[in-house]
Amino acid sequence: GWCAVYVAFQLLGALLAALSFAVVRPDDFGWQPRTLASNLTSEFVGTFVLVLTVGLNVLGKSSAAPFSIAAALMCMIYAVGDVSGAHFNPAVTVAILASGRCSDLTVPRACCYVAAQLTAGLCAAIAYASLYDDSFALGPVGESTWGQVSVAEFVFSFLLCFVVLSVAVSRTTKTSQMFGLAIGACVTVGGFAVGRISGGSFNPAVSFGISAAHVFAEIEIKRLPVLSAVQFVKSFAYAAVEISGGLVAAGVFKVTHHSDTVELEHKG
């Protein structure tokens, strides 16, 4: 009996994938050129898959979470990287904007990207919390301190953003094939290196989603909303460190990849 239910939901998933593909790539069907809506849909879908994978791995107590999460990120980068740039992370969006190397990414567009990413993080968090009927808190792991968390999140957010800028944005070092693998590998490296210190978020959308799901769970069991709101304070702290890492990555990138601008001046 359950076979029919499984097949029905699998077909529903396939239909949703086809509809999302049509929205993301309308030009493939000769309908219209890609619009901002296509980009935002790409960012939403990619970030949703990423945050959902994070939550399911944690709640499922997977011992290979960094590999799984990195694979999810890599798959979505290759799926929609040519549409929106596959940021899936407000820190990455801020880093690319601050680098000044992507003329298409204006401040209003960057704000739209961040809004789509945070919305996707919230929706994904609700989804994984509903599937497990459980949630988990954001914050230092075990006996780790906030100082250790700050260093861990800063360093590996920097790494992630710097690699994105180097392999996907730079005119001189970007790669047309291996960029997704390189970016995904940053998550694996960071996850195993500091996962037992900070949890290995490296992404404000992930941090926000985790906090939101935990807040909803605490409110549901009638804990004081004031105590629940502490989770959002933690997510803001994580986000501030992660975005700081992205900003520093953009600054270092400008120094190490100055040849990009020199090349443009020579062409000009």
Protein backbone atom coordinates (compact mmCIF):
# COMPACT_ATOMS: atom_id res chain seq x y z
CA GLY A 1 0.00 0.00 0.00
CA TRP A 2 2.81 2.41 0.85
CA CYS A 3 4.35 1.83 -2.58
CA ALA A 4 1.68 3.96 -4.24
CA VAL A 5 2.20 6.76 -1.72
CA TYR A 6 5.96 6.72 -2.30
CA VAL A 7 5.50 6.83 -6.08
CA ALA A 8 2.96 9.66 -5.81
CA PHE A 9 5.32 11.84 -3.77
CA GLN A 10 8.28 10.99 -6.01
CA LEU A 11 6.26 12.10 -9.04
CA LEU A 12 5.22 15.24 -7.16
CA GLY A 13 8.87 15.98 -6.45
CA ALA A 14 9.73 15.48 -10.12
CA LEU A 15 6.92 17.85 -11.14
CA LEU A 16 8.12 20.49 -8.69
CA ALA A 17 11.66 20.11 -10.06
CA ALA A 18 10.40 20.59 -13.62
CA LEU A 19 8.43 23.70 -12.65
CA SER A 20 11.43 25.14 -10.79
CA PHE A 21 13.62 24.45 -13.82
CA ALA A 22 11.18 26.34 -16.06
CA VAL A 23 11.20 29.34 -13.72
CA VAL A 24 14.98 29.33 -13.40
CA ARG A 25 15.65 28.84 -17.12
CA PRO A 26 12.73 30.36 -19.09
CA ASP A 27 15.04 31.15 -22.01
CA ASP A 28 15.57 27.41 -22.57
CA PHE A 29 11.92 27.24 -23.57
CA GLY A 30 12.01 30.39 -25.68
CA TRP A 31 9.62 32.16 -23.32
CA GLN A 32 11.59 35.18 -22.16
CA PRO A 33 15.10 36.16 -21.04
CA ARG A 34 16.13 35.33 -17.50
CA THR A 35 14.99 37.90 -14.98
CA LEU A 36 15.74 38.74 -11.37
CA ALA A 37 12.96 36.30 -10.45
CA SER A 38 14.99 33.50 -12.07
CA ASN A 39 18.04 34.46 -10.01
CA LEU A 40 16.11 34.70 -6.76
CA THR A 41 14.43 31.35 -7.38
CA SER A 42 17.87 29.83 -7.96
CA GLU A 43 19.16 31.31 -4.70
CA PHE A 44 16.08 30.14 -2.83
CA VAL A 45 16.22 26.57 -4.11
CA GLY A 46 19.97 26.22 -3.61
CA THR A 47 19.93 27.66 -0.10
CA PHE A 48 16.88 25.57 0.83
CA VAL A 49 18.61 22.35 -0.21
CA LEU A 50 21.78 23.35 1.65
CA VAL A 51 20.09 24.26 4.94
CA LEU A 52 17.76 21.26 4.77
CA THR A 53 20.77 18.97 4.32
CA VAL A 54 22.52 20.58 7.30
CA GLY A 55 19.52 20.07 9.57
CA LEU A 56 18.80 16.50 8.51
CA ASN A 57 22.43 15.49 9.00
CA VAL A 58 22.58 16.98 12.49
CA LEU A 59 19.26 15.55 13.63
CA GLY A 60 20.10 12.21 12.01
CA LYS A 61 23.45 12.22 13.86
CA SER A 62 25.35 11.51 10.66
CA SER A 63 29.08 10.88 11.07
CA ALA A 64 29.70 12.09 7.52
CA ALA A 65 27.80 15.39 7.69
CA PRO A 66 30.59 17.54 6.17
CA PHE A 67 30.70 15.28 3.10
CA SER A 68 26.92 15.29 2.72
CA ILE A 69 26.58 19.05 3.16
CA ALA A 70 29.48 19.74 0.78
CA ALA A 71 27.90 17.44 -1.80
CA ALA A 72 24.57 19.28 -1.53
CA LEU A 73 26.34 22.61 -2.02
CA MET A 74 28.36 21.30 -4.95
CA CYS A 75 25.29 19.84 -6.69
CA MET A 76 23.36 23.09 -6.46
CA ILE A 77 26.36 25.15 -7.60
CA TYR A 78 26.60 23.11 -10.79
CA ALA A 79 22.81 23.17 -11.19
CA VAL A 80 22.27 26.94 -11.10
CA GLY A 81 25.71 28.52 -10.97
CA ASP A 82 25.28 30.00 -14.43
CA VAL A 83 21.93 31.51 -13.46
CA SER A 84 22.43 33.41 -10.19
CA GLY A 85 26.08 32.73 -9.42
CA ALA A 86 25.05 30.18 -6.79
CA HIS A 87 25.86 32.23 -3.70
CA PHE A 88 23.45 30.46 -1.28
CA ASN A 89 25.12 32.42 1.51
CA PRO A 90 24.76 36.08 2.56
CA ALA A 91 28.46 36.19 3.49
CA VAL A 92 29.38 35.15 -0.06
CA THR A 93 27.01 37.73 -1.54
CA VAL A 94 28.53 40.46 0.62
CA ALA A 95 32.05 39.32 -0.28
CA ILE A 96 31.34 39.41 -4.02
CA LEU A 97 29.66 42.81 -3.70
CA ALA A 98 32.60 44.17 -1.68
CA SER A 99 35.12 42.80 -4.18
CA GLY A 100 33.70 45.06 -6.88
CA ARG A 101 34.47 42.44 -9.54
CA CYS A 102 30.86 41.61 -10.45
CA SER A 103 29.20 44.57 -12.15
CA ASP A 104 25.83 42.81 -12.28
CA LEU A 105 25.65 42.54 -8.49
CA THR A 106 24.38 45.94 -7.38
CA VAL A 107 23.45 46.78 -3.80
CA PRO A 108 19.67 46.40 -4.40
CA ARG A 109 20.23 43.06 -6.15
CA ALA A 110 22.51 41.88 -3.34
CA CYS A 111 19.81 42.77 -0.80
CA CYS A 112 17.29 40.72 -2.80
CA TYR A 113 19.71 37.79 -2.84
CA VAL A 114 20.18 37.95 0.93
CA ALA A 115 16.41 38.14 1.48
CA ALA A 116 15.88 35.05 -0.70
CA GLN A 117 18.65 33.17 1.11
CA LEU A 118 17.32 33.97 4.58
CA THR A 119 13.77 33.07 3.55
CA ALA A 120 15.00 29.76 2.17
CA GLY A 121 16.93 29.09 5.37
CA LEU A 122 13.78 29.66 7.40
CA CYS A 123 11.65 27.40 5.18
CA ALA A 124 14.28 24.64 5.19
CA ALA A 125 14.58 24.81 8.98
CA ILE A 126 10.83 24.43 9.37
CA ALA A 127 10.98 21.46 6.98
CA TYR A 128 13.74 19.52 8.79
CA ALA A 129 12.27 20.30 12.21
CA SER A 130 8.89 18.99 11.03
CA LEU A 131 10.40 15.83 9.56
CA TYR A 132 12.14 14.93 12.83
CA ASP A 133 9.76 16.74 15.16
CA ASP A 134 12.90 18.06 16.78
CA SER A 135 15.43 20.88 16.54
CA PHE A 136 18.86 21.81 17.85
CA ALA A 137 20.39 24.97 19.24
CA LEU A 138 22.97 27.21 17.62
CA GLY A 139 26.02 27.99 19.72
CA PRO A 140 29.34 26.74 21.07
CA VAL A 141 29.69 22.96 21.02
CA GLY A 142 30.63 21.22 24.26
CA GLU A 143 33.07 23.24 26.36
CA SER A 144 33.94 25.64 23.53
CA THR A 145 33.86 29.37 24.28
CA TRP A 146 32.42 32.19 22.22
CA GLY A 147 35.94 33.35 21.50
CA GLN A 148 36.80 29.99 19.98
CA VAL A 149 33.53 30.00 18.03
CA SER A 150 34.28 33.45 16.66
CA VAL A 151 37.73 32.45 15.44
CA ALA A 152 36.45 29.20 13.92
CA GLU A 153 33.55 30.82 12.06
CA PHE A 154 35.67 33.76 10.91
CA VAL A 155 38.53 31.68 9.53
CA PHE A 156 36.44 29.21 7.59
CA SER A 157 33.93 31.80 6.38
CA PHE A 158 36.99 33.67 5.09
CA LEU A 159 38.23 30.50 3.41
CA LEU A 160 34.88 29.79 1.77
CA CYS A 161 34.44 33.35 0.48
CA PHE A 162 38.04 33.67 -0.69
CA VAL A 163 37.82 30.42 -2.64
CA VAL A 164 34.51 31.49 -4.22
CA LEU A 165 36.08 34.77 -5.32
CA SER A 166 39.19 33.02 -6.62
CA VAL A 167 37.62 30.16 -8.57
CA ALA A 168 34.31 31.69 -9.65
CA VAL A 169 34.80 35.47 -9.86
CA SER A 170 38.42 36.25 -10.71
CA ARG A 171 39.10 36.77 -14.40
CA THR A 172 42.56 35.26 -14.11
CA THR A 173 42.11 32.27 -11.79
CA LYS A 174 38.47 31.25 -12.30
CA THR A 175 37.84 27.73 -13.53
CA SER A 176 34.99 26.65 -15.77
CA GLN A 177 34.77 23.07 -14.48
CA MET A 178 36.15 22.44 -11.00
CA PHE A 179 34.78 25.49 -9.18
CA GLY A 180 31.91 23.58 -7.58
CA LEU A 181 34.22 20.91 -6.23
CA ALA A 182 36.64 23.50 -4.83
CA ILE A 183 33.88 25.46 -3.10
CA GLY A 184 32.22 22.33 -1.73
CA ALA A 185 35.57 21.14 -0.39
CA CYS A 186 35.73 24.26 1.81
CA VAL A 187 32.66 23.01 3.67
CA THR A 188 34.24 19.60 4.15
CA VAL A 189 37.47 21.13 5.43
CA GLY A 190 35.71 23.50 7.81
CA GLY A 191 33.13 20.98 8.97
CA PHE A 192 35.70 18.44 10.08
CA ALA A 193 38.12 21.07 11.40
CA VAL A 194 35.82 23.12 13.63
CA GLY A 195 32.47 21.32 13.61
CA ARG A 196 33.04 20.32 17.24
CA ILE A 197 33.77 23.92 18.17
CA SER A 198 31.15 26.09 16.46
CA GLY A 199 29.01 23.56 14.63
CA GLY A 200 30.53 24.66 11.32
CA SER A 201 27.88 27.02 9.97
CA PHE A 202 29.94 29.49 7.85
CA ASN A 203 26.67 30.85 6.49
CA PRO A 204 24.22 33.39 8.02
CA ALA A 205 21.31 31.65 6.26
CA VAL A 206 22.22 28.40 8.00
CA SER A 207 22.68 30.17 11.33
CA PHE A 208 19.36 31.99 10.99
CA GLY A 209 17.51 28.84 9.96
CA ILE A 210 18.87 26.81 12.87
CA SER A 211 17.91 29.53 15.35
CA ALA A 212 14.45 29.99 13.86
CA ALA A 213 13.64 26.28 14.03
CA HIS A 214 14.81 26.08 17.64
CA VAL A 215 12.86 29.19 18.63
CA PHE A 216 9.66 27.77 17.16
CA ALA A 217 10.25 24.50 19.02
CA GLU A 218 10.78 26.29 22.33
CA ILE A 219 7.68 28.42 21.88
CA GLU A 220 5.68 25.31 21.04
CA ILE A 221 6.64 23.72 24.35
CA LYS A 222 5.65 26.96 26.08
CA ARG A 223 9.05 28.27 27.03
CA LEU A 224 9.29 32.00 27.51
CA PRO A 225 9.62 33.87 24.18
CA VAL A 226 12.31 36.05 25.78
CA LEU A 227 14.48 33.00 26.40
CA SER A 228 13.75 31.74 22.89
CA ALA A 229 14.82 35.08 21.41
CA VAL A 230 18.31 34.45 22.77
CA GLN A 231 18.71 32.04 19.89
CA PHE A 232 18.24 34.87 17.40
CA VAL A 233 20.87 36.90 19.25
CA LYS A 234 23.22 33.97 18.77
CA SER A 235 22.40 33.81 15.06
CA PHE A 236 23.15 37.54 14.71
CA ALA A 237 26.49 36.99 16.45
CA TYR A 238 27.33 34.12 14.11
CA ALA A 239 26.21 36.15 11.08
CA ALA A 240 28.33 39.13 12.10
CA VAL A 241 31.46 36.99 12.33
CA GLU A 242 30.68 35.15 9.09
CA ILE A 243 30.07 38.35 7.15
CA SER A 244 33.24 39.85 8.65
CA GLY A 245 35.11 36.86 7.27
CA GLY A 246 33.58 37.54 3.87
CA LEU A 247 34.55 41.21 3.96
CA VAL A 248 38.15 40.40 4.89
CA ALA A 249 38.21 37.78 2.13
CA ALA A 250 37.13 40.46 -0.36
CA GLY A 251 39.91 42.77 0.85
CA VAL A 252 42.57 40.07 0.60
CA PHE A 253 41.22 39.04 -2.81
CA LYS A 254 41.65 42.59 -4.11
CA VAL A 255 45.32 42.47 -3.10
CA THR A 256 46.13 38.95 -4.30
CA HIS A 257 44.14 39.27 -7.54
CA HIS A 258 45.08 42.81 -8.45
CA SER A 259 46.07 41.44 -11.85
CA ASP A 260 42.37 41.23 -12.69
CA THR A 261 42.08 45.01 -12.72
CA VAL A 262 45.43 45.45 -14.46
CA GLU A 263 44.25 43.15 -17.24
CA LEU A 264 41.05 45.18 -17.66
CA GLU A 265 43.03 48.43 -17.82
CA HIS A 266 45.26 47.01 -20.54
CA LYS A 267 42.26 45.84 -22.53
CA GLY A 268 40.67 49.24 -22.07
